[in-house]
């Protein structure tokens, strides 16, 4: 099973973005998204350090709510 984490882009420098999720910041590689326009403030799904898909803020929130429910169980 693979798991992707929703993160918000805080800054971009070339193919590297500083992203944040639940207070944790990570440098994320944007190489796999080079054909899509991503900007500061966008939400992306991150898998093993790579942004793989742009998502809406609502999708990010829903995903985190589901993850939180799983962790509570």
PDB file of N, CA and C in Angstrom:
ATOM      1  N   UNK A   1       0.838  -1.177   0.000  1.00  0.00           N
ATOM      2  CA  UNK A   1       0.000   0.000   0.000  1.00  0.00           C
ATOM      3  C   UNK A   1       0.881   1.238   0.000  1.00  0.00           C
ATOM      4  N   UNK A   2       0.531   2.192  -0.821  1.00  0.00           N
ATOM      5  CA  UNK A   2       1.253   3.462  -0.875  1.00  0.00           C
ATOM      6  C   UNK A   2       0.423   4.530  -0.187  1.00  0.00           C
ATOM      7  N   UNK A   3       1.096   5.474   0.406  1.00  0.00           N
ATOM      8  CA  UNK A   3       0.421   6.549   1.103  1.00  0.00           C
ATOM      9  C   UNK A   3       1.008   7.878   0.652  1.00  0.00           C
ATOM     10  N   UNK A   4       0.137   8.789   0.238  1.00  0.00           N
ATOM     11  CA  UNK A   4       0.564  10.135  -0.146  1.00  0.00           C
ATOM     12  C   UNK A   4       0.035  11.112   0.889  1.00  0.00           C
ATOM     13  N   UNK A   5       0.839  12.077   1.231  1.00  0.00           N
ATOM     14  CA  UNK A   5       0.509  13.053   2.269  1.00  0.00           C
ATOM     15  C   UNK A   5       0.201  14.405   1.630  1.00  0.00           C
ATOM     16  N   UNK A   6      -0.936  15.010   1.957  1.00  0.00           N
ATOM     17  CA  UNK A   6      -1.214  16.355   1.451  1.00  0.00           C
ATOM     18  C   UNK A   6      -0.334  17.379   2.168  1.00  0.00           C
ATOM     19  N   UNK A   7       0.314  18.230   1.381  1.00  0.00           N
ATOM     20  CA  UNK A   7       1.157  19.282   1.943  1.00  0.00           C
ATOM     21  C   UNK A   7       0.915  20.580   1.177  1.00  0.00           C
ATOM     22  N   UNK A   8       1.123  21.700   1.864  1.00  0.00           N
ATOM     23  CA  UNK A   8       0.969  23.009   1.230  1.00  0.00           C
ATOM     24  C   UNK A   8       2.336  23.590   0.907  1.00  0.00           C
ATOM     25  N   UNK A   9       2.456  24.106  -0.300  1.00  0.00           N
ATOM     26  CA  UNK A   9       3.717  24.701  -0.737  1.00  0.00           C
ATOM     27  C   UNK A   9       3.908  26.062  -0.066  1.00  0.00           C
ATOM     28  N   UNK A  10       5.039  26.229   0.610  1.00  0.00           N
ATOM     29  CA  UNK A  10       5.364  27.499   1.274  1.00  0.00           C
ATOM     30  C   UNK A  10       6.310  28.353   0.430  1.00  0.00           C
ATOM     31  N   UNK A  11       7.214  27.701  -0.319  1.00  0.00           N
ATOM     32  CA  UNK A  11       8.126  28.422  -1.210  1.00  0.00           C
ATOM     33  C   UNK A  11       8.637  27.451  -2.259  1.00  0.00           C
ATOM     34  N   UNK A  12       9.087  28.027  -3.392  1.00  0.00           N
ATOM     35  CA  UNK A  12       9.591  27.209  -4.490  1.00  0.00           C
ATOM     36  C   UNK A  12      10.928  27.769  -4.954  1.00  0.00           C
ATOM     37  N   UNK A  13      11.891  26.867  -5.163  1.00  0.00           N
ATOM     38  CA  UNK A  13      13.197  27.226  -5.707  1.00  0.00           C
ATOM     39  C   UNK A  13      13.555  26.176  -6.755  1.00  0.00           C
ATOM     40  N   UNK A  14      13.305  26.479  -8.015  1.00  0.00           N
ATOM     41  CA  UNK A  14      13.545  25.515  -9.078  1.00  0.00           C
ATOM     42  C   UNK A  14      12.594  24.342  -8.964  1.00  0.00           C
ATOM     43  N   UNK A  15      13.158  23.127  -8.861  1.00  0.00           N
ATOM     44  CA  UNK A  15      12.344  21.920  -8.710  1.00  0.00           C
ATOM     45  C   UNK A  15      12.209  21.489  -7.248  1.00  0.00           C
ATOM     46  N   UNK A  16      12.533  22.376  -6.327  1.00  0.00           N
ATOM     47  CA  UNK A  16      12.406  22.073  -4.903  1.00  0.00           C
ATOM     48  C   UNK A  16      11.412  23.028  -4.260  1.00  0.00           C
ATOM     49  N   UNK A  17      10.489  22.454  -3.504  1.00  0.00           N
ATOM     50  CA  UNK A  17       9.505  23.273  -2.791  1.00  0.00           C
ATOM     51  C   UNK A  17       9.604  22.978  -1.301  1.00  0.00           C
ATOM     52  N   UNK A  18       9.539  24.006  -0.501  1.00  0.00           N
ATOM     53  CA  UNK A  18       9.413  23.834   0.941  1.00  0.00           C
ATOM     54  C   UNK A  18       7.910  23.700   1.202  1.00  0.00           C
ATOM     55  N   UNK A  19       7.512  22.544   1.743  1.00  0.00           N
ATOM     56  CA  UNK A  19       6.098  22.267   1.971  1.00  0.00           C
ATOM     57  C   UNK A  19       5.849  22.021   3.447  1.00  0.00           C
ATOM     58  N   UNK A  20       4.593  22.239   3.862  1.00  0.00           N
ATOM     59  CA  UNK A  20       4.233  22.095   5.277  1.00  0.00           C
ATOM     60  C   UNK A  20       2.949  21.288   5.403  1.00  0.00           C
ATOM     61  N   UNK A  21       2.926  20.438   6.432  1.00  0.00           N
ATOM     62  CA  UNK A  21       1.723  19.692   6.796  1.00  0.00           C
ATOM     63  C   UNK A  21       1.713  19.506   8.303  1.00  0.00           C
ATOM     64  N   UNK A  22       0.668  19.974   8.936  1.00  0.00           N
ATOM     65  CA  UNK A  22       0.501  19.821  10.387  1.00  0.00           C
ATOM     66  C   UNK A  22       1.711  20.308  11.171  1.00  0.00           C
ATOM     67  N   UNK A  23       2.295  21.419  10.727  1.00  0.00           N
ATOM     68  CA  UNK A  23       3.415  22.025  11.426  1.00  0.00           C
ATOM     69  C   UNK A  23       4.782  21.460  11.079  1.00  0.00           C
ATOM     70  N   UNK A  24       4.832  20.463  10.224  1.00  0.00           N
ATOM     71  CA  UNK A  24       6.098  19.845   9.824  1.00  0.00           C
ATOM     72  C   UNK A  24       6.450  20.326   8.419  1.00  0.00           C
ATOM     73  N   UNK A  25       7.671  20.828   8.245  1.00  0.00           N
ATOM     74  CA  UNK A  25       8.130  21.289   6.935  1.00  0.00           C
ATOM     75  C   UNK A  25       9.135  20.310   6.352  1.00  0.00           C
ATOM     76  N   UNK A  26       9.038  20.120   5.032  1.00  0.00           N
ATOM     77  CA  UNK A  26       9.963  19.247   4.307  1.00  0.00           C
ATOM     78  C   UNK A  26      10.270  19.875   2.953  1.00  0.00           C
ATOM     79  N   UNK A  27      11.473  19.612   2.446  1.00  0.00           N
ATOM     80  CA  UNK A  27      11.812  19.977   1.076  1.00  0.00           C
ATOM     81  C   UNK A  27      11.309  18.860   0.172  1.00  0.00           C
ATOM     82  N   UNK A  28      10.519  19.217  -0.821  1.00  0.00           N
ATOM     83  CA  UNK A  28       9.859  18.262  -1.705  1.00  0.00           C
ATOM     84  C   UNK A  28      10.309  18.504  -3.141  1.00  0.00           C
ATOM     85  N   UNK A  29      10.558  17.424  -3.864  1.00  0.00           N
ATOM     86  CA  UNK A  29      10.970  17.510  -5.251  1.00  0.00           C
ATOM     87  C   UNK A  29       9.738  17.676  -6.144  1.00  0.00           C
ATOM     88  N   UNK A  30       9.782  18.673  -7.039  1.00  0.00           N
ATOM     89  CA  UNK A  30       8.672  18.956  -7.952  1.00  0.00           C
ATOM     90  C   UNK A  30       8.893  18.406  -9.350  1.00  0.00           C
ATOM     91  N   UNK A  31       9.957  17.627  -9.557  1.00  0.00           N
ATOM     92  CA  UNK A  31      10.318  17.174 -10.894  1.00  0.00           C
ATOM     93  C   UNK A  31       9.167  16.454 -11.602  1.00  0.00           C
ATOM     94  N   UNK A  32       8.412  15.644 -10.887  1.00  0.00           N
ATOM     95  CA  UNK A  32       7.321  14.894 -11.500  1.00  0.00           C
ATOM     96  C   UNK A  32       6.142  15.785 -11.885  1.00  0.00           C
ATOM     97  N   UNK A  33       6.148  17.040 -11.455  1.00  0.00           N
ATOM     98  CA  UNK A  33       5.056  17.968 -11.753  1.00  0.00           C
ATOM     99  C   UNK A  33       5.503  19.067 -12.713  1.00  0.00           C
ATOM    100  N   UNK A  34       6.599  18.843 -13.424  1.00  0.00           N
ATOM    101  CA  UNK A  34       7.159  19.891 -14.262  1.00  0.00           C
ATOM    102  C   UNK A  34       6.237  20.338 -15.388  1.00  0.00           C
ATOM    103  N   UNK A  35       5.259  19.522 -15.771  1.00  0.00           N
ATOM    104  CA  UNK A  35       4.318  19.905 -16.823  1.00  0.00           C
ATOM    105  C   UNK A  35       3.078  20.605 -16.282  1.00  0.00           C
ATOM    106  N   UNK A  36       2.999  20.772 -14.966  1.00  0.00           N
ATOM    107  CA  UNK A  36       1.851  21.415 -14.338  1.00  0.00           C
ATOM    108  C   UNK A  36       2.310  22.657 -13.572  1.00  0.00           C
ATOM    109  N   UNK A  37       1.533  23.701 -13.637  1.00  0.00           N
ATOM    110  CA  UNK A  37       1.851  24.942 -12.925  1.00  0.00           C
ATOM    111  C   UNK A  37       1.532  24.777 -11.443  1.00  0.00           C
ATOM    112  N   UNK A  38       2.549  24.905 -10.597  1.00  0.00           N
ATOM    113  CA  UNK A  38       2.342  24.894  -9.151  1.00  0.00           C
ATOM    114  C   UNK A  38       2.894  26.188  -8.579  1.00  0.00           C
ATOM    115  N   UNK A  39       2.209  26.706  -7.577  1.00  0.00           N
ATOM    116  CA  UNK A  39       2.564  27.995  -6.993  1.00  0.00           C
ATOM    117  C   UNK A  39       2.557  27.914  -5.475  1.00  0.00           C
ATOM    118  N   UNK A  40       3.169  28.896  -4.862  1.00  0.00           N
ATOM    119  CA  UNK A  40       3.130  29.036  -3.407  1.00  0.00           C
ATOM    120  C   UNK A  40       1.664  29.052  -2.979  1.00  0.00           C
ATOM    121  N   UNK A  41       1.350  28.268  -1.954  1.00  0.00           N
ATOM    122  CA  UNK A  41      -0.015  28.193  -1.443  1.00  0.00           C
ATOM    123  C   UNK A  41      -0.800  27.004  -1.971  1.00  0.00           C
ATOM    124  N   UNK A  42      -0.343  26.404  -3.065  1.00  0.00           N
ATOM    125  CA  UNK A  42      -1.025  25.223  -3.615  1.00  0.00           C
ATOM    126  C   UNK A  42      -0.829  24.029  -2.690  1.00  0.00           C
ATOM    127  N   UNK A  43      -1.752  23.078  -2.794  1.00  0.00           N
ATOM    128  CA  UNK A  43      -1.644  21.818  -2.075  1.00  0.00           C
ATOM    129  C   UNK A  43      -1.259  20.728  -3.057  1.00  0.00           C
ATOM    130  N   UNK A  44      -0.349  19.869  -2.625  1.00  0.00           N
ATOM    131  CA  UNK A  44       0.092  18.750  -3.450  1.00  0.00           C
ATOM    132  C   UNK A  44       0.090  17.473  -2.605  1.00  0.00           C
ATOM    133  N   UNK A  45      -0.068  16.343  -3.290  1.00  0.00           N
ATOM    134  CA  UNK A  45       0.111  15.052  -2.628  1.00  0.00           C
ATOM    135  C   UNK A  45       1.575  14.678  -2.746  1.00  0.00           C
ATOM    136  N   UNK A  46       2.179  14.267  -1.632  1.00  0.00           N
ATOM    137  CA  UNK A  46       3.602  13.959  -1.588  1.00  0.00           C
ATOM    138  C   UNK A  46       3.786  12.486  -1.255  1.00  0.00           C
ATOM    139  N   UNK A  47       4.601  11.816  -2.069  1.00  0.00           N
ATOM    140  CA  UNK A  47       4.932  10.404  -1.849  1.00  0.00           C
ATOM    141  C   UNK A  47       6.446  10.253  -1.967  1.00  0.00           C
ATOM    142  N   UNK A  48       7.069   9.715  -0.947  1.00  0.00           N
ATOM    143  CA  UNK A  48       8.521   9.507  -0.844  1.00  0.00           C
ATOM    144  C   UNK A  48       9.327  10.716  -1.317  1.00  0.00           C
ATOM    145  N   UNK A  49       8.893  11.909  -0.904  1.00  0.00           N
ATOM    146  CA  UNK A  49       9.653  13.121  -1.179  1.00  0.00           C
ATOM    147  C   UNK A  49       9.349  13.805  -2.496  1.00  0.00           C
ATOM    148  N   UNK A  50       8.421  13.257  -3.277  1.00  0.00           N
ATOM    149  CA  UNK A  50       8.057  13.836  -4.569  1.00  0.00           C
ATOM    150  C   UNK A  50       6.600  14.276  -4.570  1.00  0.00           C
ATOM    151  N   UNK A  51       6.338  15.473  -5.084  1.00  0.00           N
ATOM    152  CA  UNK A  51       4.961  15.907  -5.315  1.00  0.00           C
ATOM    153  C   UNK A  51       4.456  15.149  -6.535  1.00  0.00           C
ATOM    154  N   UNK A  52       3.309  14.482  -6.399  1.00  0.00           N
ATOM    155  CA  UNK A  52       2.810  13.660  -7.500  1.00  0.00           C
ATOM    156  C   UNK A  52       1.502  14.165  -8.088  1.00  0.00           C
ATOM    157  N   UNK A  53       0.802  15.056  -7.367  1.00  0.00           N
ATOM    158  CA  UNK A  53      -0.473  15.547  -7.871  1.00  0.00           C
ATOM    159  C   UNK A  53      -0.879  16.798  -7.117  1.00  0.00           C
ATOM    160  N   UNK A  54      -1.435  17.752  -7.843  1.00  0.00           N
ATOM    161  CA  UNK A  54      -1.984  18.958  -7.231  1.00  0.00           C
ATOM    162  C   UNK A  54      -3.419  18.650  -6.806  1.00  0.00           C
ATOM    163  N   UNK A  55      -3.812  19.115  -5.610  1.00  0.00           N
ATOM    164  CA  UNK A  55      -5.166  18.886  -5.115  1.00  0.00           C
ATOM    165  C   UNK A  55      -5.727  20.196  -4.568  1.00  0.00           C
ATOM    166  N   UNK A  56      -7.022  20.204  -4.366  1.00  0.00           N
ATOM    167  CA  UNK A  56      -7.683  21.396  -3.829  1.00  0.00           C
ATOM    168  C   UNK A  56      -7.501  21.451  -2.309  1.00  0.00           C
ATOM    169  N   UNK A  57      -7.670  22.629  -1.732  1.00  0.00           N
ATOM    170  CA  UNK A  57      -7.601  22.733  -0.265  1.00  0.00           C
ATOM    171  C   UNK A  57      -8.648  21.845   0.418  1.00  0.00           C
ATOM    172  N   UNK A  58      -9.815  21.699  -0.196  1.00  0.00           N
ATOM    173  CA  UNK A  58     -10.866  20.857   0.371  1.00  0.00           C
ATOM    174  C   UNK A  58     -10.455  19.382   0.367  1.00  0.00           C
ATOM    175  N   UNK A  59      -9.815  18.933  -0.724  1.00  0.00           N
ATOM    176  CA  UNK A  59      -9.329  17.551  -0.779  1.00  0.00           C
ATOM    177  C   UNK A  59      -8.252  17.304   0.272  1.00  0.00           C
ATOM    178  N   UNK A  60      -7.373  18.275   0.466  1.00  0.00           N
ATOM    179  CA  UNK A  60      -6.325  18.144   1.487  1.00  0.00           C
ATOM    180  C   UNK A  60      -6.950  18.026   2.873  1.00  0.00           C
ATOM    181  N   UNK A  61      -7.936  18.869   3.168  1.00  0.00           N
ATOM    182  CA  UNK A  61      -8.598  18.846   4.471  1.00  0.00           C
ATOM    183  C   UNK A  61      -9.320  17.518   4.696  1.00  0.00           C
ATOM    184  N   UNK A  62     -10.041  17.050   3.692  1.00  0.00           N
ATOM    185  CA  UNK A  62     -10.759  15.777   3.804  1.00  0.00           C
ATOM    186  C   UNK A  62      -9.787  14.628   4.039  1.00  0.00           C
ATOM    187  N   UNK A  63      -8.677  14.627   3.323  1.00  0.00           N
ATOM    188  CA  UNK A  63      -7.675  13.574   3.486  1.00  0.00           C
ATOM    189  C   UNK A  63      -7.118  13.574   4.902  1.00  0.00           C
ATOM    190  N   UNK A  64      -6.780  14.765   5.434  1.00  0.00           N
ATOM    191  CA  UNK A  64      -6.250  14.821   6.797  1.00  0.00           C
ATOM    192  C   UNK A  64      -7.286  14.384   7.824  1.00  0.00           C
ATOM    193  N   UNK A  65      -8.558  14.699   7.586  1.00  0.00           N
ATOM    194  CA  UNK A  65      -9.612  14.243   8.505  1.00  0.00           C
ATOM    195  C   UNK A  65      -9.680  12.719   8.523  1.00  0.00           C
ATOM    196  N   UNK A  66      -9.564  12.093   7.347  1.00  0.00           N
ATOM    197  CA  UNK A  66      -9.571  10.633   7.282  1.00  0.00           C
ATOM    198  C   UNK A  66      -8.345  10.039   7.975  1.00  0.00           C
ATOM    199  N   UNK A  67      -7.166  10.609   7.735  1.00  0.00           N
ATOM    200  CA  UNK A  67      -5.955  10.129   8.405  1.00  0.00           C
ATOM    201  C   UNK A  67      -6.075  10.260   9.915  1.00  0.00           C
ATOM    202  N   UNK A  68      -6.630  11.375  10.391  1.00  0.00           N
ATOM    203  CA  UNK A  68      -6.809  11.577  11.825  1.00  0.00           C
ATOM    204  C   UNK A  68      -7.741  10.526  12.420  1.00  0.00           C
ATOM    205  N   UNK A  69      -8.822  10.187  11.681  1.00  0.00           N
ATOM    206  CA  UNK A  69      -9.738   9.150  12.149  1.00  0.00           C
ATOM    207  C   UNK A  69      -9.030   7.800  12.249  1.00  0.00           C
ATOM    208  N   UNK A  70      -8.214   7.470  11.274  1.00  0.00           N
ATOM    209  CA  UNK A  70      -7.474   6.214  11.285  1.00  0.00           C
ATOM    210  C   UNK A  70      -6.532   6.168  12.483  1.00  0.00           C
ATOM    211  N   UNK A  71      -5.854   7.277  12.764  1.00  0.00           N
ATOM    212  CA  UNK A  71      -4.917   7.315  13.882  1.00  0.00           C
ATOM    213  C   UNK A  71      -5.621   7.202  15.237  1.00  0.00           C
ATOM    214  N   UNK A  72      -6.871   7.657  15.320  1.00  0.00           N
ATOM    215  CA  UNK A  72      -7.613   7.571  16.567  1.00  0.00           C
ATOM    216  C   UNK A  72      -8.059   6.136  16.875  1.00  0.00           C
ATOM    217  N   UNK A  73      -8.220   5.338  15.849  1.00  0.00           N
ATOM    218  CA  UNK A  73      -8.722   3.958  16.004  1.00  0.00           C
ATOM    219  C   UNK A  73      -7.709   3.076  16.676  1.00  0.00           C
TER     220      UNK A  73
END
